[in-house]
Amino acid sequence: MNTALNIKRTEQKPMDIGVDRRDRKELADELSMVLADTYVLYGLTQNVHWNVTGPLFYSVHKMTEEQYQDLGIAIDDLAERIRAIGFVAPGGIHQMLAMTRLDKNENPQDPHDMLRLLINGNEACARTLRAAVSRANEYDDVKTSDLLTDRIGQHEENTWMLRAILS
């Protein structure tokens, strides 16, 4: 058995990056919540992409493809930021579902309801991100703050585009 895989998942090497360990742990927890919400929204967006039908099919199918691809990149960026500040990123669908604040029980069939689900998910992600940005700013972690602020803008743009289709 590979001994590298037997290292405790919570073990952290000492680091001095200008942000206290306790503060980095709180940031990692905030980032983990953002990651979970993003991961679940990724799945919801992909589900809409696969299952939308009717007159909105082409526009929603194309838009949701762009959105879930962006969310996939964001998932990786968020997990890597958690690692960069010295902690283990959560993983697996069960852990993400347990941590998310998004409503994960809906499975709408109507295209308009599908869009509303994604609007609500993007708005929820923006709210989670704002709380995490506040924490990052409090601890003077500008890299984390920048990453999260960019994500807020993307979720706001996604919401705008989804609402425009519903209009």
C-alpha atoms as a PDB file:
ATOM      1  CA  MET A   1       0.000   0.000   0.000  1.00  0.00           C
ATOM      2  CA  ASN A   2       1.311   3.472  -0.880  1.00  0.00           C
ATOM      3  CA  THR A   3       2.303   5.226   2.361  1.00  0.00           C
ATOM      4  CA  ALA A   4       1.695   8.670   0.829  1.00  0.00           C
ATOM      5  CA  LEU A   5      -2.007   7.847   0.797  1.00  0.00           C
ATOM      6  CA  ASN A   6      -1.960   7.063   4.521  1.00  0.00           C
ATOM      7  CA  ILE A   7      -1.212  10.654   5.573  1.00  0.00           C
ATOM      8  CA  LYS A   8      -3.929  12.135   7.757  1.00  0.00           C
ATOM      9  CA  ARG A   9      -6.238  14.215   5.578  1.00  0.00           C
ATOM     10  CA  THR A  10      -6.344  16.986   8.190  1.00  0.00           C
ATOM     11  CA  GLU A  11      -2.573  17.243   8.575  1.00  0.00           C
ATOM     12  CA  GLN A  12      -1.196  20.631   7.644  1.00  0.00           C
ATOM     13  CA  LYS A  13       2.377  21.745   7.131  1.00  0.00           C
ATOM     14  CA  PRO A  14       3.321  24.982   8.926  1.00  0.00           C
ATOM     15  CA  MET A  15       3.147  28.037   6.670  1.00  0.00           C
ATOM     16  CA  ASP A  16       3.672  31.750   7.061  1.00  0.00           C
ATOM     17  CA  ILE A  17       1.772  33.605   4.330  1.00  0.00           C
ATOM     18  CA  GLY A  18       0.663  36.587   6.385  1.00  0.00           C
ATOM     19  CA  VAL A  19      -2.694  35.121   7.380  1.00  0.00           C
ATOM     20  CA  ASP A  20      -2.941  33.446  10.780  1.00  0.00           C
ATOM     21  CA  ARG A  21      -3.633  29.673  10.819  1.00  0.00           C
ATOM     22  CA  ARG A  22      -6.930  30.103  12.711  1.00  0.00           C
ATOM     23  CA  ASP A  23      -8.045  32.714  10.174  1.00  0.00           C
ATOM     24  CA  ARG A  24      -7.013  30.476   7.269  1.00  0.00           C
ATOM     25  CA  LYS A  25      -9.044  27.637   8.801  1.00  0.00           C
ATOM     26  CA  GLU A  26     -12.121  29.882   8.943  1.00  0.00           C
ATOM     27  CA  LEU A  27     -11.498  30.929   5.334  1.00  0.00           C
ATOM     28  CA  ALA A  28     -11.129  27.285   4.314  1.00  0.00           C
ATOM     29  CA  ASP A  29     -14.486  26.561   5.954  1.00  0.00           C
ATOM     30  CA  GLU A  30     -16.103  29.487   4.086  1.00  0.00           C
ATOM     31  CA  LEU A  31     -14.491  28.373   0.837  1.00  0.00           C
ATOM     32  CA  SER A  32     -15.755  24.843   1.442  1.00  0.00           C
ATOM     33  CA  MET A  33     -19.322  26.140   1.680  1.00  0.00           C
ATOM     34  CA  VAL A  34     -18.829  28.116  -1.539  1.00  0.00           C
ATOM     35  CA  LEU A  35     -17.354  25.018  -3.168  1.00  0.00           C
ATOM     36  CA  ALA A  36     -20.317  22.874  -2.093  1.00  0.00           C
ATOM     37  CA  ASP A  37     -22.849  25.385  -3.434  1.00  0.00           C
ATOM     38  CA  THR A  38     -20.908  25.698  -6.698  1.00  0.00           C
ATOM     39  CA  TYR A  39     -20.651  21.925  -7.046  1.00  0.00           C
ATOM     40  CA  VAL A  40     -24.386  21.420  -6.551  1.00  0.00           C
ATOM     41  CA  LEU A  41     -25.237  24.287  -8.929  1.00  0.00           C
ATOM     42  CA  TYR A  42     -22.918  22.653 -11.474  1.00  0.00           C
ATOM     43  CA  GLY A  43     -24.992  19.465 -11.267  1.00  0.00           C
ATOM     44  CA  LEU A  44     -28.298  21.324 -11.454  1.00  0.00           C
ATOM     45  CA  THR A  45     -27.089  23.316 -14.466  1.00  0.00           C
ATOM     46  CA  GLN A  46     -25.920  20.193 -16.240  1.00  0.00           C
ATOM     47  CA  ASN A  47     -29.273  18.526 -15.541  1.00  0.00           C
ATOM     48  CA  VAL A  48     -31.118  21.457 -17.147  1.00  0.00           C
ATOM     49  CA  HIS A  49     -28.701  21.324 -20.089  1.00  0.00           C
ATOM     50  CA  TRP A  50     -29.469  17.649 -20.652  1.00  0.00           C
ATOM     51  CA  ASN A  51     -33.214  17.745 -20.081  1.00  0.00           C
ATOM     52  CA  VAL A  52     -34.615  21.053 -21.324  1.00  0.00           C
ATOM     53  CA  THR A  53     -37.180  20.686 -24.110  1.00  0.00           C
ATOM     54  CA  GLY A  54     -39.529  22.877 -26.101  1.00  0.00           C
ATOM     55  CA  PRO A  55     -39.135  26.242 -27.826  1.00  0.00           C
ATOM     56  CA  LEU A  56     -36.436  27.357 -25.375  1.00  0.00           C
ATOM     57  CA  PHE A  57     -34.325  24.260 -26.019  1.00  0.00           C
ATOM     58  CA  TYR A  58     -31.557  25.646 -28.191  1.00  0.00           C
ATOM     59  CA  SER A  59     -30.899  28.880 -26.291  1.00  0.00           C
ATOM     60  CA  VAL A  60     -31.093  27.244 -22.862  1.00  0.00           C
ATOM     61  CA  HIS A  61     -29.043  24.239 -23.969  1.00  0.00           C
ATOM     62  CA  LYS A  62     -26.228  26.446 -25.304  1.00  0.00           C
ATOM     63  CA  MET A  63     -26.273  28.862 -22.364  1.00  0.00           C
ATOM     64  CA  THR A  64     -26.286  26.154 -19.703  1.00  0.00           C
ATOM     65  CA  GLU A  65     -23.384  24.408 -21.417  1.00  0.00           C
ATOM     66  CA  GLU A  66     -21.312  27.590 -21.101  1.00  0.00           C
ATOM     67  CA  GLN A  67     -22.438  28.009 -17.504  1.00  0.00           C
ATOM     68  CA  TYR A  68     -21.631  24.479 -16.348  1.00  0.00           C
ATOM     69  CA  GLN A  69     -18.231  24.621 -18.048  1.00  0.00           C
ATOM     70  CA  ASP A  70     -17.493  27.848 -16.156  1.00  0.00           C
ATOM     71  CA  LEU A  71     -18.722  26.264 -12.920  1.00  0.00           C
ATOM     72  CA  GLY A  72     -16.412  23.289 -13.513  1.00  0.00           C
ATOM     73  CA  ILE A  73     -13.417  25.616 -13.709  1.00  0.00           C
ATOM     74  CA  ALA A  74     -14.618  27.463 -10.602  1.00  0.00           C
ATOM     75  CA  ILE A  75     -14.889  24.199  -8.666  1.00  0.00           C
ATOM     76  CA  ASP A  76     -11.252  23.445  -9.413  1.00  0.00           C
ATOM     77  CA  ASP A  77     -10.130  26.997  -8.565  1.00  0.00           C
ATOM     78  CA  LEU A  78     -11.985  26.961  -5.228  1.00  0.00           C
ATOM     79  CA  ALA A  79     -10.645  23.544  -4.209  1.00  0.00           C
ATOM     80  CA  GLU A  80      -7.112  24.577  -5.142  1.00  0.00           C
ATOM     81  CA  ARG A  81      -7.442  27.783  -3.089  1.00  0.00           C
ATOM     82  CA  ILE A  82      -8.448  25.723  -0.057  1.00  0.00           C
ATOM     83  CA  ARG A  83      -5.325  23.626  -0.602  1.00  0.00           C
ATOM     84  CA  ALA A  84      -3.144  26.702  -1.148  1.00  0.00           C
ATOM     85  CA  ILE A  85      -4.105  28.124   2.250  1.00  0.00           C
ATOM     86  CA  GLY A  86      -3.214  24.824   3.884  1.00  0.00           C
ATOM     87  CA  PHE A  87      -6.344  22.708   4.220  1.00  0.00           C
ATOM     88  CA  VAL A  88      -7.996  19.726   2.566  1.00  0.00           C
ATOM     89  CA  ALA A  89     -10.838  20.485   0.179  1.00  0.00           C
ATOM     90  CA  PRO A  90     -14.084  18.587   0.639  1.00  0.00           C
ATOM     91  CA  GLY A  91     -14.830  16.040  -2.044  1.00  0.00           C
ATOM     92  CA  GLY A  92     -17.517  13.765  -3.351  1.00  0.00           C
ATOM     93  CA  ILE A  93     -21.162  14.340  -4.029  1.00  0.00           C
ATOM     94  CA  HIS A  94     -22.307  13.167  -0.585  1.00  0.00           C
ATOM     95  CA  GLN A  95     -20.100  15.671   1.205  1.00  0.00           C
ATOM     96  CA  MET A  96     -21.138  18.466  -1.153  1.00  0.00           C
ATOM     97  CA  LEU A  97     -24.831  17.668  -0.705  1.00  0.00           C
ATOM     98  CA  ALA A  98     -24.428  17.670   3.069  1.00  0.00           C
ATOM     99  CA  MET A  99     -22.729  21.086   3.028  1.00  0.00           C
ATOM    100  CA  THR A 100     -24.700  22.999   0.387  1.00  0.00           C
ATOM    101  CA  ARG A 101     -27.246  25.665   1.156  1.00  0.00           C
ATOM    102  CA  LEU A 102     -28.924  25.227  -2.238  1.00  0.00           C
ATOM    103  CA  ASP A 103     -32.260  23.468  -2.579  1.00  0.00           C
ATOM    104  CA  LYS A 104     -31.182  20.172  -4.066  1.00  0.00           C
ATOM    105  CA  ASN A 105     -34.519  18.363  -3.963  1.00  0.00           C
ATOM    106  CA  GLU A 106     -36.211  20.052  -6.898  1.00  0.00           C
ATOM    107  CA  ASN A 107     -36.309  18.355 -10.282  1.00  0.00           C
ATOM    108  CA  PRO A 108     -38.510  20.544 -12.483  1.00  0.00           C
ATOM    109  CA  GLN A 109     -39.615  19.341 -15.892  1.00  0.00           C
ATOM    110  CA  ASP A 110     -41.009  22.631 -17.216  1.00  0.00           C
ATOM    111  CA  PRO A 111     -38.325  24.781 -18.911  1.00  0.00           C
ATOM    112  CA  HIS A 112     -39.503  27.922 -17.087  1.00  0.00           C
ATOM    113  CA  ASP A 113     -39.249  26.150 -13.724  1.00  0.00           C
ATOM    114  CA  MET A 114     -35.810  24.871 -14.707  1.00  0.00           C
ATOM    115  CA  LEU A 115     -34.684  28.443 -15.367  1.00  0.00           C
ATOM    116  CA  ARG A 116     -36.134  29.615 -12.049  1.00  0.00           C
ATOM    117  CA  LEU A 117     -34.219  26.829 -10.284  1.00  0.00           C
ATOM    118  CA  LEU A 118     -30.956  28.029 -11.857  1.00  0.00           C
ATOM    119  CA  ILE A 119     -31.774  31.672 -11.079  1.00  0.00           C
ATOM    120  CA  ASN A 120     -32.334  30.768  -7.425  1.00  0.00           C
ATOM    121  CA  GLY A 121     -29.133  28.707  -7.385  1.00  0.00           C
ATOM    122  CA  ASN A 122     -27.024  31.488  -8.870  1.00  0.00           C
ATOM    123  CA  GLU A 123     -28.490  34.028  -6.461  1.00  0.00           C
ATOM    124  CA  ALA A 124     -27.805  31.706  -3.512  1.00  0.00           C
ATOM    125  CA  CYS A 125     -24.206  31.257  -4.676  1.00  0.00           C
ATOM    126  CA  ALA A 126     -23.780  35.030  -4.918  1.00  0.00           C
ATOM    127  CA  ARG A 127     -25.026  35.405  -1.327  1.00  0.00           C
ATOM    128  CA  THR A 128     -22.675  32.683  -0.057  1.00  0.00           C
ATOM    129  CA  LEU A 129     -19.808  34.311  -1.937  1.00  0.00           C
ATOM    130  CA  ARG A 130     -20.517  37.744  -0.438  1.00  0.00           C
ATOM    131  CA  ALA A 131     -20.251  36.324   3.081  1.00  0.00           C
ATOM    132  CA  ALA A 132     -16.981  34.621   2.180  1.00  0.00           C
ATOM    133  CA  VAL A 133     -15.582  37.835   0.615  1.00  0.00           C
ATOM    134  CA  SER A 134     -16.336  39.693   3.838  1.00  0.00           C
ATOM    135  CA  ARG A 135     -14.409  37.062   5.799  1.00  0.00           C
ATOM    136  CA  ALA A 136     -11.480  37.146   3.348  1.00  0.00           C
ATOM    137  CA  ASN A 137     -11.348  40.946   3.567  1.00  0.00           C
ATOM    138  CA  GLU A 138     -11.495  40.771   7.365  1.00  0.00           C
ATOM    139  CA  TYR A 139      -8.367  38.576   7.322  1.00  0.00           C
ATOM    140  CA  ASP A 140      -6.633  40.597   4.588  1.00  0.00           C
ATOM    141  CA  ASP A 141      -6.536  37.631   2.200  1.00  0.00           C
ATOM    142  CA  VAL A 142      -6.677  39.567  -1.052  1.00  0.00           C
ATOM    143  CA  LYS A 143      -6.133  36.511  -3.279  1.00  0.00           C
ATOM    144  CA  THR A 144      -9.166  34.728  -1.847  1.00  0.00           C
ATOM    145  CA  SER A 145     -11.184  37.944  -1.942  1.00  0.00           C
ATOM    146  CA  ASP A 146     -10.328  38.505  -5.625  1.00  0.00           C
ATOM    147  CA  LEU A 147     -11.216  34.931  -6.561  1.00  0.00           C
ATOM    148  CA  LEU A 148     -14.567  35.143  -4.788  1.00  0.00           C
ATOM    149  CA  THR A 149     -15.400  38.632  -6.071  1.00  0.00           C
ATOM    150  CA  ASP A 150     -14.911  37.448  -9.652  1.00  0.00           C
ATOM    151  CA  ARG A 151     -17.295  34.562  -8.964  1.00  0.00           C
ATOM    152  CA  ILE A 152     -19.972  36.943  -7.655  1.00  0.00           C
ATOM    153  CA  GLY A 153     -19.872  38.798 -10.966  1.00  0.00           C
ATOM    154  CA  GLN A 154     -20.257  35.561 -12.916  1.00  0.00           C
ATOM    155  CA  HIS A 155     -23.274  34.445 -10.871  1.00  0.00           C
ATOM    156  CA  GLU A 156     -24.880  37.865 -11.294  1.00  0.00           C
ATOM    157  CA  GLU A 157     -24.336  37.672 -15.063  1.00  0.00           C
ATOM    158  CA  ASN A 158     -25.756  34.129 -15.155  1.00  0.00           C
ATOM    159  CA  THR A 159     -28.829  35.324 -13.258  1.00  0.00           C
ATOM    160  CA  TRP A 160     -29.307  38.230 -15.659  1.00  0.00           C
ATOM    161  CA  MET A 161     -29.086  35.953 -18.718  1.00  0.00           C
ATOM    162  CA  LEU A 162     -31.449  33.362 -17.244  1.00  0.00           C
ATOM    163  CA  ARG A 163     -33.969  36.069 -16.340  1.00  0.00           C
ATOM    164  CA  ALA A 164     -33.724  37.536 -19.839  1.00  0.00           C
ATOM    165  CA  ILE A 165     -34.834  34.238 -21.353  1.00  0.00           C
ATOM    166  CA  LEU A 166     -37.827  34.125 -18.999  1.00  0.00           C
ATOM    167  CA  SER A 167     -38.919  37.642 -19.996  1.00  0.00           C
END
